[in-house]
Amino acid sequence: MPHVSRVARLVEELAPTIPNPSPMLEQYTTPGDIAARLANTIMLEGGLGDGLIADLGAGTCRLSLALALYGAERIIAVEADPRLPPLCREAFQRAGLPGPEAYILSWIKPGGGPLIEGRVDTVVTNPPFGVHKRGADTAFLTYAMQLGARLIYAILKTGNEQYHTRLAEKYGYRHRVLYREWFPIPAQMRHHRSRIRRVEVNVSVFERV
């Protein structure tokens, strides 16, 4: 298996950042090291397997690419921004890997989305943090739980652990914070004042019980 640092470097080299990111969509590119460490964790915890993996809010497919570099073969990417599918496909082509089985353009909301309940084994997501649009992260988590995925891995802003635990229990899941990261947000949007801001995030897993 490739080392985490090598996967992180490949993700940075092959998958571009999100161009002209939207403040309302909270489009923050997942750093290569965070994507690689999460993919490595999923591999170690048995989340790759032979089942279907759904990357919700896939962006330029940094999480999907990291998972593929660790051996994931069945991935579906879901994203609302129509500019990004070509960037995802190009990243996989440069890596010499087959792309996701599908890259679906769709919004994510509780009770509505493009995937079929019971077909997805594992979900990965770096959802909006819910700062600009309250509850945006909840929409992604709720949708993933309604799909009945066995495992849901999510990058979530710290401070909402109790809420996420209650949400998990409501849908028959158990919530565990695996570790914490500092998520860098460069000054790419008009409202940004600092050259770079680092937000503390939880890397969490939701396990169906």
C-alpha atoms as a PDB file:
ATOM      1  CA  MET A   1       0.000   0.000   0.000  1.00  0.00           C
ATOM      2  CA  PRO A   2       1.292   3.501  -0.784  1.00  0.00           C
ATOM      3  CA  HIS A   3       2.449   5.696   2.070  1.00  0.00           C
ATOM      4  CA  VAL A   4       0.133   8.482   3.216  1.00  0.00           C
ATOM      5  CA  SER A   5       2.656  11.161   2.248  1.00  0.00           C
ATOM      6  CA  ARG A   6       2.933   9.780  -1.297  1.00  0.00           C
ATOM      7  CA  VAL A   7      -0.847   9.692  -1.735  1.00  0.00           C
ATOM      8  CA  ALA A   8      -1.082  13.248  -0.386  1.00  0.00           C
ATOM      9  CA  ARG A   9       1.533  14.414  -2.892  1.00  0.00           C
ATOM     10  CA  LEU A  10      -0.218  12.677  -5.795  1.00  0.00           C
ATOM     11  CA  VAL A  11      -3.585  14.176  -4.859  1.00  0.00           C
ATOM     12  CA  GLU A  12      -2.049  17.669  -4.816  1.00  0.00           C
ATOM     13  CA  GLU A  13      -0.276  17.084  -8.132  1.00  0.00           C
ATOM     14  CA  LEU A  14      -3.151  15.453 -10.004  1.00  0.00           C
ATOM     15  CA  ALA A  15      -6.418  16.904  -8.662  1.00  0.00           C
ATOM     16  CA  PRO A  16      -6.732  20.695  -9.011  1.00  0.00           C
ATOM     17  CA  THR A  17      -8.207  23.077  -6.497  1.00  0.00           C
ATOM     18  CA  ILE A  18     -11.766  24.279  -7.103  1.00  0.00           C
ATOM     19  CA  PRO A  19     -11.629  27.262  -9.481  1.00  0.00           C
ATOM     20  CA  ASN A  20     -13.413  30.449  -8.406  1.00  0.00           C
ATOM     21  CA  PRO A  21     -15.039  28.769  -5.383  1.00  0.00           C
ATOM     22  CA  SER A  22     -18.560  29.785  -4.411  1.00  0.00           C
ATOM     23  CA  PRO A  23     -19.036  31.290  -0.922  1.00  0.00           C
ATOM     24  CA  MET A  24     -22.664  30.114  -0.770  1.00  0.00           C
ATOM     25  CA  LEU A  25     -21.647  26.542  -1.585  1.00  0.00           C
ATOM     26  CA  GLU A  26     -18.710  26.800   0.849  1.00  0.00           C
ATOM     27  CA  GLN A  27     -16.445  25.274  -1.767  1.00  0.00           C
ATOM     28  CA  TYR A  28     -13.230  24.660   0.125  1.00  0.00           C
ATOM     29  CA  THR A  29     -10.787  22.293  -1.581  1.00  0.00           C
ATOM     30  CA  THR A  30      -9.842  19.286   0.557  1.00  0.00           C
ATOM     31  CA  PRO A  31      -6.055  19.394   1.139  1.00  0.00           C
ATOM     32  CA  GLY A  32      -4.138  16.399  -0.171  1.00  0.00           C
ATOM     33  CA  ASP A  33      -2.807  15.400   3.239  1.00  0.00           C
ATOM     34  CA  ILE A  34      -6.286  15.383   4.799  1.00  0.00           C
ATOM     35  CA  ALA A  35      -7.689  13.376   1.869  1.00  0.00           C
ATOM     36  CA  ALA A  36      -4.830  10.870   2.059  1.00  0.00           C
ATOM     37  CA  ARG A  37      -5.063  10.363   5.799  1.00  0.00           C
ATOM     38  CA  LEU A  38      -8.825   9.835   5.611  1.00  0.00           C
ATOM     39  CA  ALA A  39      -8.473   7.337   2.754  1.00  0.00           C
ATOM     40  CA  ASN A  40      -5.783   5.475   4.691  1.00  0.00           C
ATOM     41  CA  THR A  41      -8.037   5.372   7.769  1.00  0.00           C
ATOM     42  CA  ILE A  42     -10.938   4.013   5.724  1.00  0.00           C
ATOM     43  CA  MET A  43      -8.675   1.340   4.264  1.00  0.00           C
ATOM     44  CA  LEU A  44      -7.418   0.307   7.711  1.00  0.00           C
ATOM     45  CA  GLU A  45     -10.970   0.186   9.110  1.00  0.00           C
ATOM     46  CA  GLY A  46     -12.232  -2.014   6.286  1.00  0.00           C
ATOM     47  CA  GLY A  47     -14.319   0.655   4.583  1.00  0.00           C
ATOM     48  CA  LEU A  48     -13.040  -0.053   1.072  1.00  0.00           C
ATOM     49  CA  GLY A  49     -14.139  -3.660   0.603  1.00  0.00           C
ATOM     50  CA  ASP A  50     -16.000  -4.588  -2.552  1.00  0.00           C
ATOM     51  CA  GLY A  51     -19.017  -2.371  -1.952  1.00  0.00           C
ATOM     52  CA  LEU A  52     -19.961   0.873  -3.627  1.00  0.00           C
ATOM     53  CA  ILE A  53     -18.446   4.070  -2.213  1.00  0.00           C
ATOM     54  CA  ALA A  54     -20.269   7.383  -2.667  1.00  0.00           C
ATOM     55  CA  ASP A  55     -18.323  10.647  -2.483  1.00  0.00           C
ATOM     56  CA  LEU A  56     -20.933  13.306  -1.678  1.00  0.00           C
ATOM     57  CA  GLY A  57     -19.951  16.856  -2.631  1.00  0.00           C
ATOM     58  CA  ALA A  58     -17.015  15.414  -4.547  1.00  0.00           C
ATOM     59  CA  GLY A  59     -15.623  18.656  -5.985  1.00  0.00           C
ATOM     60  CA  THR A  60     -12.553  17.837  -8.077  1.00  0.00           C
ATOM     61  CA  CYS A  61     -12.540  14.286  -6.658  1.00  0.00           C
ATOM     62  CA  ARG A  62      -9.682  14.607  -4.197  1.00  0.00           C
ATOM     63  CA  LEU A  63     -11.246  12.169  -1.720  1.00  0.00           C
ATOM     64  CA  SER A  64     -12.238   9.798  -4.540  1.00  0.00           C
ATOM     65  CA  LEU A  65      -8.739   9.884  -6.005  1.00  0.00           C
ATOM     66  CA  ALA A  66      -7.112   9.198  -2.631  1.00  0.00           C
ATOM     67  CA  LEU A  67      -9.459   6.239  -2.125  1.00  0.00           C
ATOM     68  CA  ALA A  68      -8.682   4.901  -5.602  1.00  0.00           C
ATOM     69  CA  LEU A  69      -4.946   5.170  -4.916  1.00  0.00           C
ATOM     70  CA  TYR A  70      -5.550   2.946  -1.876  1.00  0.00           C
ATOM     71  CA  GLY A  71      -7.348   0.378  -4.003  1.00  0.00           C
ATOM     72  CA  ALA A  72     -11.014   1.391  -4.024  1.00  0.00           C
ATOM     73  CA  GLU A  73     -12.534   0.203  -7.295  1.00  0.00           C
ATOM     74  CA  ARG A  74     -16.218   1.164  -7.091  1.00  0.00           C
ATOM     75  CA  ILE A  75     -16.767   4.889  -6.540  1.00  0.00           C
ATOM     76  CA  ILE A  76     -19.627   7.213  -7.442  1.00  0.00           C
ATOM     77  CA  ALA A  77     -19.050  10.957  -7.177  1.00  0.00           C
ATOM     78  CA  VAL A  78     -21.946  13.362  -6.545  1.00  0.00           C
ATOM     79  CA  GLU A  79     -21.529  17.120  -6.999  1.00  0.00           C
ATOM     80  CA  ALA A  80     -23.800  20.084  -7.791  1.00  0.00           C
ATOM     81  CA  ASP A  81     -21.252  22.246  -9.658  1.00  0.00           C
ATOM     82  CA  PRO A  82     -21.297  21.416 -13.407  1.00  0.00           C
ATOM     83  CA  ARG A  83     -17.782  22.833 -13.929  1.00  0.00           C
ATOM     84  CA  LEU A  84     -16.087  20.095 -11.939  1.00  0.00           C
ATOM     85  CA  PRO A  85     -16.710  16.675 -13.592  1.00  0.00           C
ATOM     86  CA  PRO A  86     -14.078  17.259 -16.342  1.00  0.00           C
ATOM     87  CA  LEU A  87     -11.490  18.164 -13.700  1.00  0.00           C
ATOM     88  CA  CYS A  88     -12.281  14.949 -11.854  1.00  0.00           C
ATOM     89  CA  ARG A  89     -11.953  12.811 -14.975  1.00  0.00           C
ATOM     90  CA  GLU A  90      -8.661  14.483 -15.922  1.00  0.00           C
ATOM     91  CA  ALA A  91      -7.233  13.827 -12.450  1.00  0.00           C
ATOM     92  CA  PHE A  92      -7.968  10.103 -12.724  1.00  0.00           C
ATOM     93  CA  GLN A  93      -6.574   9.984 -16.258  1.00  0.00           C
ATOM     94  CA  ARG A  94      -3.312  11.597 -15.112  1.00  0.00           C
ATOM     95  CA  ALA A  95      -3.144   9.024 -12.320  1.00  0.00           C
ATOM     96  CA  GLY A  96      -3.603   6.195 -14.824  1.00  0.00           C
ATOM     97  CA  LEU A  97      -6.706   5.017 -12.982  1.00  0.00           C
ATOM     98  CA  PRO A  98     -10.240   4.344 -14.192  1.00  0.00           C
ATOM     99  CA  GLY A  99     -12.483   7.172 -13.067  1.00  0.00           C
ATOM    100  CA  PRO A 100     -15.538   6.887 -10.845  1.00  0.00           C
ATOM    101  CA  GLU A 101     -18.296   4.623 -12.158  1.00  0.00           C
ATOM    102  CA  ALA A 102     -20.386   7.784 -12.427  1.00  0.00           C
ATOM    103  CA  TYR A 103     -20.070  11.487 -11.689  1.00  0.00           C
ATOM    104  CA  ILE A 104     -23.601  12.613 -10.955  1.00  0.00           C
ATOM    105  CA  LEU A 105     -24.624  16.267 -11.021  1.00  0.00           C
ATOM    106  CA  SER A 106     -27.129  16.682  -8.229  1.00  0.00           C
ATOM    107  CA  TRP A 107     -27.942  18.713  -5.136  1.00  0.00           C
ATOM    108  CA  ILE A 108     -27.926  16.910  -1.811  1.00  0.00           C
ATOM    109  CA  LYS A 109     -30.836  17.381   0.563  1.00  0.00           C
ATOM    110  CA  PRO A 110     -32.502  15.245   3.238  1.00  0.00           C
ATOM    111  CA  GLY A 111     -34.907  12.811   1.658  1.00  0.00           C
ATOM    112  CA  GLY A 112     -33.832  13.655  -1.881  1.00  0.00           C
ATOM    113  CA  GLY A 113     -30.877  12.785  -4.047  1.00  0.00           C
ATOM    114  CA  PRO A 114     -29.731  10.691  -6.985  1.00  0.00           C
ATOM    115  CA  LEU A 115     -28.675   7.458  -5.278  1.00  0.00           C
ATOM    116  CA  ILE A 116     -30.749   4.378  -4.482  1.00  0.00           C
ATOM    117  CA  GLU A 117     -31.304   3.443  -0.857  1.00  0.00           C
ATOM    118  CA  GLY A 118     -29.492   0.280   0.134  1.00  0.00           C
ATOM    119  CA  ARG A 119     -27.019   0.303  -2.769  1.00  0.00           C
ATOM    120  CA  VAL A 120     -24.192   2.296  -1.129  1.00  0.00           C
ATOM    121  CA  ASP A 121     -21.880   0.564   1.341  1.00  0.00           C
ATOM    122  CA  THR A 122     -19.650   3.502   2.353  1.00  0.00           C
ATOM    123  CA  VAL A 123     -20.071   7.269   2.109  1.00  0.00           C
ATOM    124  CA  VAL A 124     -17.262   9.810   2.252  1.00  0.00           C
ATOM    125  CA  THR A 125     -17.967  13.521   2.397  1.00  0.00           C
ATOM    126  CA  ASN A 126     -16.347  16.843   3.066  1.00  0.00           C
ATOM    127  CA  PRO A 127     -19.643  18.755   3.230  1.00  0.00           C
ATOM    128  CA  PRO A 128     -20.141  22.503   3.642  1.00  0.00           C
ATOM    129  CA  PHE A 129     -19.447  23.409   7.254  1.00  0.00           C
ATOM    130  CA  GLY A 130     -22.839  25.093   7.545  1.00  0.00           C
ATOM    131  CA  VAL A 131     -21.404  28.553   8.257  1.00  0.00           C
ATOM    132  CA  HIS A 132     -22.986  30.415   5.329  1.00  0.00           C
ATOM    133  CA  LYS A 133     -26.019  28.175   5.005  1.00  0.00           C
ATOM    134  CA  ARG A 134     -27.122  26.817   8.352  1.00  0.00           C
ATOM    135  CA  GLY A 135     -27.699  23.072   8.324  1.00  0.00           C
ATOM    136  CA  ALA A 136     -25.824  22.405   5.076  1.00  0.00           C
ATOM    137  CA  ASP A 137     -23.651  19.790   6.774  1.00  0.00           C
ATOM    138  CA  THR A 138     -26.731  18.202   8.341  1.00  0.00           C
ATOM    139  CA  ALA A 139     -28.306  17.799   4.905  1.00  0.00           C
ATOM    140  CA  PHE A 140     -25.344  15.727   3.707  1.00  0.00           C
ATOM    141  CA  LEU A 141     -25.241  13.556   6.828  1.00  0.00           C
ATOM    142  CA  THR A 142     -28.989  12.986   6.874  1.00  0.00           C
ATOM    143  CA  TYR A 143     -29.037  12.011   3.208  1.00  0.00           C
ATOM    144  CA  ALA A 144     -26.146   9.583   3.732  1.00  0.00           C
ATOM    145  CA  MET A 145     -27.951   7.963   6.669  1.00  0.00           C
ATOM    146  CA  GLN A 146     -31.182   7.712   4.711  1.00  0.00           C
ATOM    147  CA  LEU A 147     -29.265   5.773   2.068  1.00  0.00           C
ATOM    148  CA  GLY A 148     -28.555   3.153   4.719  1.00  0.00           C
ATOM    149  CA  ALA A 149     -24.795   3.171   4.163  1.00  0.00           C
ATOM    150  CA  ARG A 150     -22.870   0.853   6.470  1.00  0.00           C
ATOM    151  CA  LEU A 151     -20.184   3.483   7.140  1.00  0.00           C
ATOM    152  CA  ILE A 152     -20.195   7.261   6.705  1.00  0.00           C
ATOM    153  CA  TYR A 153     -16.927   9.172   6.972  1.00  0.00           C
ATOM    154  CA  ALA A 154     -17.227  12.947   7.224  1.00  0.00           C
ATOM    155  CA  ILE A 155     -15.033  15.998   7.745  1.00  0.00           C
ATOM    156  CA  LEU A 156     -17.027  18.241  10.084  1.00  0.00           C
ATOM    157  CA  LYS A 157     -16.404  21.505  11.891  1.00  0.00           C
ATOM    158  CA  THR A 158     -15.626  20.895  15.548  1.00  0.00           C
ATOM    159  CA  GLY A 159     -17.984  22.053  18.277  1.00  0.00           C
ATOM    160  CA  ASN A 160     -21.062  20.129  17.124  1.00  0.00           C
ATOM    161  CA  GLU A 161     -20.149  16.685  18.420  1.00  0.00           C
ATOM    162  CA  GLN A 162     -23.201  16.262  20.659  1.00  0.00           C
ATOM    163  CA  TYR A 163     -25.533  17.351  17.870  1.00  0.00           C
ATOM    164  CA  HIS A 164     -23.949  14.907  15.430  1.00  0.00           C
ATOM    165  CA  THR A 165     -24.255  12.119  18.013  1.00  0.00           C
ATOM    166  CA  ARG A 166     -27.972  12.832  18.484  1.00  0.00           C
ATOM    167  CA  LEU A 167     -28.501  12.953  14.726  1.00  0.00           C
ATOM    168  CA  ALA A 168     -26.751   9.602  14.363  1.00  0.00           C
ATOM    169  CA  GLU A 169     -28.904   7.993  17.048  1.00  0.00           C
ATOM    170  CA  LYS A 170     -32.057   9.268  15.350  1.00  0.00           C
ATOM    171  CA  TYR A 171     -31.192   7.323  12.192  1.00  0.00           C
ATOM    172  CA  GLY A 172     -29.744   4.225  13.844  1.00  0.00           C
ATOM    173  CA  TYR A 173     -26.064   5.107  13.708  1.00  0.00           C
ATOM    174  CA  ARG A 174     -23.242   5.404  16.196  1.00  0.00           C
ATOM    175  CA  HIS A 175     -20.991   8.497  15.947  1.00  0.00           C
ATOM    176  CA  ARG A 176     -17.267   8.363  16.637  1.00  0.00           C
ATOM    177  CA  VAL A 177     -14.706  11.164  16.278  1.00  0.00           C
ATOM    178  CA  LEU A 178     -11.617   9.471  14.861  1.00  0.00           C
ATOM    179  CA  TYR A 179      -9.213  12.402  15.059  1.00  0.00           C
ATOM    180  CA  ARG A 180      -8.976  16.141  14.485  1.00  0.00           C
ATOM    181  CA  GLU A 181      -7.321  18.183  11.753  1.00  0.00           C
ATOM    182  CA  TRP A 182      -6.605  21.819  11.043  1.00  0.00           C
ATOM    183  CA  PHE A 183      -8.307  22.547   7.721  1.00  0.00           C
ATOM    184  CA  PRO A 184      -6.612  25.423   5.846  1.00  0.00           C
ATOM    185  CA  ILE A 185      -8.865  27.850   3.980  1.00  0.00           C
ATOM    186  CA  PRO A 186      -6.915  30.171   1.660  1.00  0.00           C
ATOM    187  CA  ALA A 187      -8.161  33.693   0.946  1.00  0.00           C
ATOM    188  CA  GLN A 188     -10.005  32.862  -2.283  1.00  0.00           C
ATOM    189  CA  MET A 189     -13.292  34.651  -1.626  1.00  0.00           C
ATOM    190  CA  ARG A 190     -14.223  38.307  -1.395  1.00  0.00           C
ATOM    191  CA  HIS A 191     -15.137  38.192   2.307  1.00  0.00           C
ATOM    192  CA  HIS A 192     -11.828  36.631   3.357  1.00  0.00           C
ATOM    193  CA  ARG A 193      -9.538  38.964   5.308  1.00  0.00           C
ATOM    194  CA  SER A 194      -6.649  36.654   6.264  1.00  0.00           C
ATOM    195  CA  ARG A 195      -4.207  35.148   3.774  1.00  0.00           C
ATOM    196  CA  ILE A 196      -5.065  31.743   5.190  1.00  0.00           C
ATOM    197  CA  ARG A 197      -7.382  30.647   7.953  1.00  0.00           C
ATOM    198  CA  ARG A 198      -7.222  27.292   9.689  1.00  0.00           C
ATOM    199  CA  VAL A 199     -10.455  25.735  10.919  1.00  0.00           C
ATOM    200  CA  GLU A 200     -10.421  22.846  13.375  1.00  0.00           C
ATOM    201  CA  VAL A 201     -12.407  19.891  12.062  1.00  0.00           C
ATOM    202  CA  ASN A 202     -13.403  16.451  13.272  1.00  0.00           C
ATOM    203  CA  VAL A 203     -12.860  13.470  11.036  1.00  0.00           C
ATOM    204  CA  SER A 204     -15.821  11.363  12.123  1.00  0.00           C
ATOM    205  CA  VAL A 205     -17.301   7.997  11.286  1.00  0.00           C
ATOM    206  CA  PHE A 206     -20.976   7.083  11.576  1.00  0.00           C
ATOM    207  CA  GLU A 207     -21.509   3.342  11.855  1.00  0.00           C
ATOM    208  CA  ARG A 208     -24.887   1.716  11.276  1.00  0.00           C
ATOM    209  CA  VAL A 209     -26.017  -0.265  14.316  1.00  0.00           C
END
